[in-house]
N, C-alpha and C. Protein backbone atom coordinates (compact mmCIF):
# COMPACT_ATOMS: atom_id res chain seq x y z
N MET A 1 85.99 119.80 138.20
CA MET A 1 86.05 121.02 139.36
C MET A 1 85.03 121.51 140.11
N VAL A 2 83.92 121.36 139.10
CA VAL A 2 82.63 121.68 139.81
C VAL A 2 82.63 120.81 140.94
N GLU A 3 82.56 119.45 140.99
CA GLU A 3 82.36 118.50 141.86
C GLU A 3 83.08 118.84 143.04
N TYR A 4 84.64 119.19 142.95
CA TYR A 4 85.49 119.80 143.92
C TYR A 4 84.83 120.66 144.89
N MET A 5 84.31 121.87 143.80
CA MET A 5 84.06 122.67 144.64
C MET A 5 82.68 122.58 145.53
N GLU A 6 81.82 122.08 144.83
CA GLU A 6 80.51 121.85 145.56
C GLU A 6 80.94 120.75 146.74
N GLY A 7 81.60 120.19 146.74
CA GLY A 7 82.33 119.33 147.64
C GLY A 7 82.84 120.05 148.62
N THR A 8 83.61 120.93 148.74
CA THR A 8 84.21 122.13 149.66
C THR A 8 83.06 122.62 150.47
N TYR A 9 82.08 123.51 149.54
CA TYR A 9 81.22 124.26 150.47
C TYR A 9 80.13 123.78 151.13
N ARG A 10 80.11 121.95 150.35
CA ARG A 10 78.55 121.76 150.90
C ARG A 10 79.20 120.34 152.16
N SER A 11 80.31 120.45 152.14
CA SER A 11 81.11 119.22 153.45
C SER A 11 80.27 119.54 154.57
N ARG A 12 79.81 118.73 155.46
CA ARG A 12 79.29 118.95 157.10
C ARG A 12 80.68 118.35 157.82
N GLY A 13 81.29 117.70 157.03
CA GLY A 13 82.15 116.72 157.58
C GLY A 13 81.27 115.20 157.72
N GLY A 14 82.09 114.28 158.79
CA GLY A 14 81.74 113.15 158.91
C GLY A 14 82.09 112.35 157.27
N GLY A 15 83.20 112.67 156.78
CA GLY A 15 83.89 112.16 155.73
C GLY A 15 84.96 111.52 156.25
N PRO A 16 85.41 110.54 155.12
CA PRO A 16 86.68 109.25 155.65
C PRO A 16 87.39 110.14 156.48
N GLY A 17 88.16 110.43 157.65
CA GLY A 17 89.30 111.16 158.61
C GLY A 17 88.91 111.90 159.16
N GLU A 18 87.10 112.35 158.90
CA GLU A 18 86.96 113.80 159.37
C GLU A 18 86.01 113.33 160.72
N ALA A 19 85.97 113.74 161.11
CA ALA A 19 84.60 114.07 162.96
C ALA A 19 83.23 114.36 162.57
N ALA A 20 82.38 113.35 163.05
CA ALA A 20 81.09 113.64 162.92
C ALA A 20 80.39 114.65 162.65
N PRO A 21 79.45 115.57 162.19
CA PRO A 21 78.84 116.54 162.57
C PRO A 21 78.95 116.99 163.49
N GLY A 22 79.27 118.08 164.48
CA GLY A 22 78.93 118.50 165.65
C GLY A 22 80.22 118.54 165.99
N GLU A 23 80.94 117.50 165.59
CA GLU A 23 82.52 117.29 166.33
C GLU A 23 83.70 117.74 165.67
N VAL A 24 83.59 118.84 165.54
CA VAL A 24 84.70 119.16 164.96
C VAL A 24 86.23 119.60 165.31
N THR A 25 87.27 118.91 164.50
CA THR A 25 88.07 119.46 165.26
C THR A 25 88.96 120.35 164.57
N TRP A 26 90.31 120.74 165.41
CA TRP A 26 91.26 121.13 164.63
C TRP A 26 91.77 120.95 163.48
N SER A 27 91.86 119.60 163.22
CA SER A 27 92.41 119.12 162.14
C SER A 27 91.15 119.54 161.19
N ASP A 28 90.08 118.64 161.23
CA ASP A 28 89.00 118.86 160.41
C ASP A 28 88.84 120.32 159.98
N SER A 29 89.35 121.37 160.61
CA SER A 29 88.86 122.71 160.61
C SER A 29 89.55 123.21 159.62
N VAL A 30 91.05 122.72 159.86
CA VAL A 30 92.57 123.13 158.63
C VAL A 30 92.32 122.30 157.20
N ARG A 31 91.77 121.15 157.55
CA ARG A 31 91.58 120.59 156.24
C ARG A 31 90.49 121.70 155.43
N ARG A 32 89.00 121.71 155.86
CA ARG A 32 88.22 122.48 155.26
C ARG A 32 88.78 123.97 154.84
N ARG A 33 89.45 124.67 155.40
CA ARG A 33 90.30 126.06 155.06
C ARG A 33 90.89 125.65 154.07
N GLU A 34 92.01 124.63 154.06
CA GLU A 34 92.86 124.44 152.81
C GLU A 34 91.65 124.12 151.69
N ARG A 35 90.94 123.17 152.18
CA ARG A 35 90.00 123.45 150.30
C ARG A 35 89.17 124.24 150.29
N ALA A 36 88.84 124.94 150.96
CA ALA A 36 88.10 126.54 150.88
C ALA A 36 88.94 127.59 149.91
N ASP A 37 90.29 127.27 150.69
CA ASP A 37 91.11 128.14 149.90
C ASP A 37 91.56 128.05 148.32
N ALA A 38 91.50 126.32 148.25
CA ALA A 38 91.98 125.75 147.15
C ALA A 38 90.53 126.09 145.83
N ALA A 39 89.65 125.68 146.84
CA ALA A 39 88.36 125.91 145.58
C ALA A 39 88.28 127.55 145.44
N TYR A 40 88.57 128.51 145.91
CA TYR A 40 88.05 129.86 146.03
C TYR A 40 89.37 130.22 144.61
N ALA A 41 90.88 129.56 145.06
CA ALA A 41 91.75 129.89 144.46
C ALA A 41 91.42 129.64 142.58
N TRP A 42 90.74 128.26 142.68
CA TRP A 42 90.21 127.36 141.41
C TRP A 42 89.19 128.50 140.78
N GLU A 43 88.29 128.98 141.74
CA GLU A 43 87.06 130.06 141.22
C GLU A 43 87.42 130.74 140.36
N ARG A 44 88.58 131.94 141.07
CA ARG A 44 88.81 132.62 140.50
C ARG A 44 89.57 132.69 139.56
N LEU A 45 90.25 131.00 139.41
CA LEU A 45 91.15 131.00 137.89
C LEU A 45 89.72 130.30 136.73
N SER A 46 88.77 129.96 137.11
CA SER A 46 87.72 129.90 136.60
C SER A 46 86.91 131.10 135.54
N VAL A 47 87.43 132.21 135.93
CA VAL A 47 86.52 133.19 135.42
C VAL A 47 87.46 134.60 135.06
N ASP A 48 88.93 133.80 135.20
CA ASP A 48 90.13 134.90 134.32
C ASP A 48 90.00 134.58 133.00
N PRO A 49 89.80 136.05 132.57
CA PRO A 49 89.81 136.16 131.03
C PRO A 49 91.13 135.47 130.11
N ARG A 50 91.72 135.38 130.58
CA ARG A 50 92.62 134.18 130.06
C ARG A 50 92.08 132.77 130.08
N PHE A 51 91.75 132.43 130.95
CA PHE A 51 91.09 131.40 130.79
C PHE A 51 89.78 130.76 130.24
N VAL A 52 89.30 131.48 130.40
CA VAL A 52 88.10 132.11 129.10
C VAL A 52 88.42 131.81 127.57
N LYS A 53 89.36 132.43 127.50
CA LYS A 53 89.99 132.71 126.07
C LYS A 53 90.96 131.23 125.70
N LEU A 54 91.24 130.72 126.71
CA LEU A 54 91.71 129.37 126.49
C LEU A 54 90.83 128.37 126.47
N ARG A 55 89.93 128.35 126.76
CA ARG A 55 88.65 127.61 126.52
C ARG A 55 88.09 127.65 125.44
N ARG A 56 87.73 128.85 125.07
CA ARG A 56 87.45 129.30 123.67
C ARG A 56 88.28 128.77 122.50
N ARG A 57 89.05 128.92 122.44
CA ARG A 57 90.59 128.71 121.66
C ARG A 57 90.07 127.03 120.91
N PHE A 58 90.22 126.24 122.33
CA PHE A 58 90.65 125.32 122.31
C PHE A 58 88.92 124.57 121.65
N ALA A 59 88.00 125.29 121.92
CA ALA A 59 86.72 124.57 121.82
C ALA A 59 86.32 124.99 120.16
N LEU A 60 87.04 126.08 119.80
CA LEU A 60 86.64 126.74 118.15
C LEU A 60 87.86 125.50 117.61
N GLN A 61 88.96 125.09 118.03
CA GLN A 61 89.71 124.13 117.30
C GLN A 61 89.21 122.84 117.18
N VAL A 62 88.73 122.58 118.30
CA VAL A 62 88.00 121.14 118.01
C VAL A 62 87.02 121.20 117.36
N ALA A 63 86.27 122.25 117.15
CA ALA A 63 85.00 122.49 116.52
C ALA A 63 85.57 122.11 115.13
N VAL A 64 86.20 123.43 114.78
CA VAL A 64 86.56 123.27 113.27
C VAL A 64 87.12 122.11 112.38
N LEU A 65 87.93 121.08 113.38
CA LEU A 65 88.75 120.19 113.26
C LEU A 65 87.91 118.78 112.71
N VAL A 66 86.91 118.84 114.00
CA VAL A 66 86.01 117.76 113.90
C VAL A 66 84.68 118.15 112.64
N SER A 67 84.69 119.27 112.67
CA SER A 67 83.48 119.52 111.59
C SER A 67 84.51 119.07 109.70
N LEU A 68 85.74 119.08 109.98
CA LEU A 68 86.27 119.17 108.44
C LEU A 68 86.28 117.59 108.31
N PHE A 69 86.55 117.09 109.58
CA PHE A 69 86.89 115.41 109.17
C PHE A 69 85.13 114.76 109.04
N LEU A 70 83.83 115.37 109.45
CA LEU A 70 82.84 114.72 109.32
C LEU A 70 82.21 115.26 107.87
N LEU A 71 82.38 116.14 107.78
CA LEU A 71 82.41 117.02 105.92
C LEU A 71 82.68 115.81 105.53
N SER A 72 83.83 115.90 105.42
CA SER A 72 84.86 114.69 104.43
C SER A 72 84.12 113.50 104.14
N TYR A 73 84.15 112.65 105.83
CA TYR A 73 83.71 111.75 105.63
C TYR A 73 82.04 111.38 105.41
N LEU A 74 81.01 112.33 105.64
CA LEU A 74 79.92 112.12 105.06
C LEU A 74 80.02 112.25 103.76
N THR A 75 80.92 113.30 103.03
CA THR A 75 80.99 113.32 101.60
C THR A 75 81.41 112.16 101.17
N TYR A 76 82.28 111.14 101.58
CA TYR A 76 82.87 110.10 101.03
C TYR A 76 81.21 108.85 101.14
N LEU A 77 80.92 108.93 101.91
CA LEU A 77 79.74 108.31 102.14
C LEU A 77 78.29 108.43 101.08
N LEU A 78 78.33 109.74 101.23
CA LEU A 78 77.21 109.90 99.94
C LEU A 78 77.34 109.78 98.81
N LEU A 79 79.21 109.79 98.10
CA LEU A 79 79.15 109.72 97.02
C LEU A 79 79.35 108.17 96.95
N SER A 80 79.84 106.93 98.27
CA SER A 80 79.51 105.78 97.63
C SER A 80 78.09 105.49 97.63
N ALA A 81 77.04 106.28 98.41
CA ALA A 81 76.07 105.53 98.17
C ALA A 81 75.29 106.20 96.69
N TYR A 82 75.78 107.69 96.05
CA TYR A 82 74.49 108.00 95.28
C TYR A 82 75.84 108.37 94.06
N ALA A 83 76.76 108.16 93.95
CA ALA A 83 77.57 108.39 93.11
C ALA A 83 78.42 107.66 92.62
N ARG A 84 77.77 106.13 92.26
CA ARG A 84 78.93 105.15 91.89
C ARG A 84 79.36 105.10 90.80
N ASP A 85 78.89 106.38 89.83
CA ASP A 85 79.43 106.06 88.48
C ASP A 85 80.87 106.46 88.63
N VAL A 86 81.25 107.83 89.72
CA VAL A 86 81.82 108.46 90.27
C VAL A 86 83.07 107.52 90.67
N MET A 87 82.28 107.04 91.67
CA MET A 87 83.43 106.30 92.91
C MET A 87 84.13 104.91 92.06
N SER A 88 82.85 104.53 90.69
CA SER A 88 83.85 103.42 90.25
C SER A 88 84.83 104.13 88.75
N TYR A 89 85.10 105.14 88.34
CA TYR A 89 85.83 105.45 87.84
C TYR A 89 87.40 105.00 87.65
N GLN A 90 88.20 103.96 86.97
CA GLN A 90 89.30 103.71 87.43
C GLN A 90 90.53 104.55 87.03
N VAL A 91 91.30 104.97 88.07
CA VAL A 91 91.79 105.79 87.53
C VAL A 91 93.43 105.19 87.46
N ALA A 92 94.14 104.01 87.54
CA ALA A 92 94.68 103.17 87.23
C ALA A 92 94.23 101.85 87.21
N ASP A 93 95.43 101.14 86.88
CA ASP A 93 94.82 99.30 86.37
C ASP A 93 93.70 98.97 87.35
N SER A 94 93.86 98.56 88.85
CA SER A 94 92.78 98.25 89.92
C SER A 94 92.51 99.36 90.79
N VAL A 95 92.79 100.51 90.58
CA VAL A 95 92.74 101.55 91.36
C VAL A 95 91.33 102.20 91.05
N ASN A 96 90.39 102.82 91.96
CA ASN A 96 89.33 103.52 91.50
C ASN A 96 89.17 104.81 92.23
N VAL A 97 88.21 105.49 91.73
CA VAL A 97 88.38 106.83 92.90
C VAL A 97 88.02 107.04 94.25
N ALA A 98 86.86 105.38 94.41
CA ALA A 98 86.69 105.24 95.87
C ALA A 98 87.60 104.76 96.55
N LEU A 99 88.87 103.85 96.14
CA LEU A 99 90.13 103.48 97.01
C LEU A 99 90.41 104.88 97.18
N LEU A 100 90.57 105.71 96.32
CA LEU A 100 91.94 106.44 96.51
C LEU A 100 91.41 107.80 97.53
N LEU A 101 89.76 107.61 97.65
CA LEU A 101 89.25 108.72 98.61
C LEU A 101 89.30 107.88 100.37
N GLY A 102 88.95 106.66 100.09
CA GLY A 102 88.89 105.82 101.74
C GLY A 102 90.86 105.98 102.05
N ILE A 103 91.24 106.01 101.02
CA ILE A 103 92.52 106.24 101.39
C ILE A 103 93.18 107.22 102.27
N GLY A 104 92.37 108.28 101.37
CA GLY A 104 92.17 109.99 101.46
C GLY A 104 91.93 110.34 102.81
N GLN A 105 90.82 109.46 103.28
CA GLN A 105 90.37 110.10 104.99
C GLN A 105 91.29 109.47 105.84
N PHE A 106 92.16 107.92 105.78
CA PHE A 106 93.16 107.88 106.35
C PHE A 106 94.10 109.19 106.41
N LEU A 107 94.02 109.68 105.32
CA LEU A 107 95.65 110.99 105.14
C LEU A 107 94.85 111.80 105.74
N LEU A 108 93.71 112.28 105.88
CA LEU A 108 92.89 113.83 106.28
C LEU A 108 93.05 113.31 107.80
N THR A 109 92.82 111.96 108.32
CA THR A 109 93.22 112.35 110.25
C THR A 109 94.55 112.44 110.23
N PHE A 110 95.52 112.17 109.62
CA PHE A 110 96.82 112.32 110.28
C PHE A 110 96.99 113.68 110.36
N VAL A 111 96.50 114.17 108.92
CA VAL A 111 96.74 116.28 108.13
C VAL A 111 96.10 116.79 109.37
N LEU A 112 94.57 116.46 110.03
CA LEU A 112 94.04 116.98 111.27
C LEU A 112 94.94 116.97 112.51
N ALA A 113 95.18 115.65 112.85
CA ALA A 113 95.69 115.31 114.12
C ALA A 113 97.43 116.59 113.91
N TRP A 114 97.86 116.10 112.87
CA TRP A 114 99.43 116.73 112.80
C TRP A 114 98.90 118.62 112.99
N ALA A 115 97.17 119.26 112.32
CA ALA A 115 97.11 120.62 112.54
C ALA A 115 96.93 120.90 113.61
N PHE A 116 96.15 120.06 114.53
CA PHE A 116 95.57 119.89 115.85
C PHE A 116 96.75 120.36 116.55
N GLY A 117 98.01 119.37 116.63
CA GLY A 117 99.26 119.41 117.56
C GLY A 117 99.79 120.81 116.76
N ARG A 118 100.24 121.59 115.81
CA ARG A 118 100.63 122.33 115.62
C ARG A 118 100.19 123.42 115.63
N PHE A 119 98.83 123.49 115.96
CA PHE A 119 98.08 124.48 116.43
C PHE A 119 97.90 125.21 117.76
N SER A 120 98.29 124.15 118.50
CA SER A 120 98.12 123.94 120.27
C SER A 120 99.60 124.30 120.12
N ALA A 121 100.29 123.75 120.03
CA ALA A 121 101.48 124.43 120.60
C ALA A 121 102.18 125.64 119.95
N ARG A 122 101.45 126.26 118.89
CA ARG A 122 101.29 127.76 118.86
C ARG A 122 100.70 128.94 119.66
N ALA A 123 99.19 128.19 119.88
CA ALA A 123 98.19 129.08 120.22
C ALA A 123 97.66 129.09 121.87
N ILE A 124 98.06 127.72 122.10
CA ILE A 124 96.86 126.85 123.18
C ILE A 124 97.92 126.72 124.06
N ASP A 125 99.29 126.42 124.02
CA ASP A 125 100.00 125.44 124.95
C ASP A 125 100.77 127.35 125.70
N PRO A 126 101.05 128.01 124.97
CA PRO A 126 101.64 129.01 125.89
C PRO A 126 100.82 129.78 126.67
N LEU A 127 99.70 130.31 126.25
CA LEU A 127 98.33 130.43 127.39
C LEU A 127 98.06 129.40 128.33
N ALA A 128 98.05 128.17 128.30
CA ALA A 128 97.98 127.20 129.35
C ALA A 128 98.92 126.70 130.27
N ALA A 129 100.36 127.27 129.93
CA ALA A 129 101.42 127.59 130.85
C ALA A 129 101.59 128.64 131.42
N GLU A 130 101.29 129.80 130.98
CA GLU A 130 101.03 130.88 131.37
C GLU A 130 99.83 131.06 132.78
N ILE A 131 98.78 130.36 132.54
CA ILE A 131 97.79 130.13 133.36
C ILE A 131 97.89 129.67 134.09
N ARG A 132 98.80 128.13 134.36
CA ARG A 132 99.38 127.21 134.97
C ARG A 132 100.48 127.61 136.28
N ASP A 133 101.48 128.63 135.37
CA ASP A 133 101.88 129.25 136.32
C ASP A 133 101.57 130.28 136.96
N ARG A 134 100.39 131.19 136.63
CA ARG A 134 99.68 132.13 137.63
C ARG A 134 99.08 131.04 138.72
N ALA A 135 98.34 130.15 138.68
CA ALA A 135 97.35 129.28 139.41
C ALA A 135 98.82 128.54 140.27
N ARG A 136 99.80 128.35 140.46
CA ARG A 136 100.72 127.57 140.82
C ARG A 136 101.32 129.18 142.15
N ASN A 137 101.50 130.31 141.39
CA ASN A 137 101.94 131.21 141.98
C ASN A 137 100.41 131.89 143.49
N ASP A 138 99.11 131.53 142.50
CA ASP A 138 98.36 132.11 143.61
C ASP A 138 97.70 130.71 144.16
N GLY A 139 98.38 129.42 144.09
CA GLY A 139 98.07 128.34 145.51
C GLY A 139 97.11 127.60 145.17
N ALA A 140 96.64 127.67 143.87
CA ALA A 140 95.50 126.72 143.12
C ALA A 140 96.03 125.32 143.29
N ILE A 141 96.95 125.68 142.74
CA ILE A 141 97.88 123.84 142.39
C ILE A 141 98.93 123.82 143.26
N THR A 142 98.76 122.99 144.21
CA THR A 142 99.58 122.41 145.81
C THR A 142 100.18 121.19 145.13
N GLY A 143 99.87 120.63 144.04
CA GLY A 143 100.45 118.99 144.30
C GLY A 143 100.13 118.16 144.69
N ARG A 144 99.12 118.48 145.59
CA ARG A 144 98.71 117.46 146.54
C ARG A 144 97.46 117.05 146.29
N VAL A 145 97.52 115.59 146.37
CA VAL A 145 96.60 114.94 146.10
C VAL A 145 95.20 114.80 146.93
N SER A 146 94.32 115.16 146.78
CA SER A 146 93.74 115.07 148.42
C SER A 146 91.97 113.83 147.77
N ARG A 147 92.38 113.12 149.06
CA ARG A 147 91.22 111.79 148.99
C ARG A 147 89.62 112.49 149.48
N ARG A 148 88.62 112.07 148.91
CA ARG A 148 87.27 112.24 149.27
C ARG A 148 86.69 110.66 149.28
């Protein structure tokens, strides 16, 4: 988004399909005006308190889930390296604690992915839909693909 906004304000023409600087045509002017309007709408959206709240929720969610996974994995690695007696404890015939904790890493990954989806559906997606609808009404999202 930043690149998009910077290109709008700093563009001096001469891009593909545009006239050279100094030869501004009506279509170039209209195109620049449309890009400037879209950039302005995106700029307003980026400072919207709901958008900031959405970004914070997403960042907090990702930070918590990644921290949980890394903590679990680091614990597994440290136990494997320094607590060999604990890890080699036989739970069943050929099943020891190390095998169970290794399989637990996979299970934890699936549980964290499920938690991510559930929290996103409950707290992030409705807010994102609300912001997207407002952006459509403001004209920030036109559905048009622009080439640079």
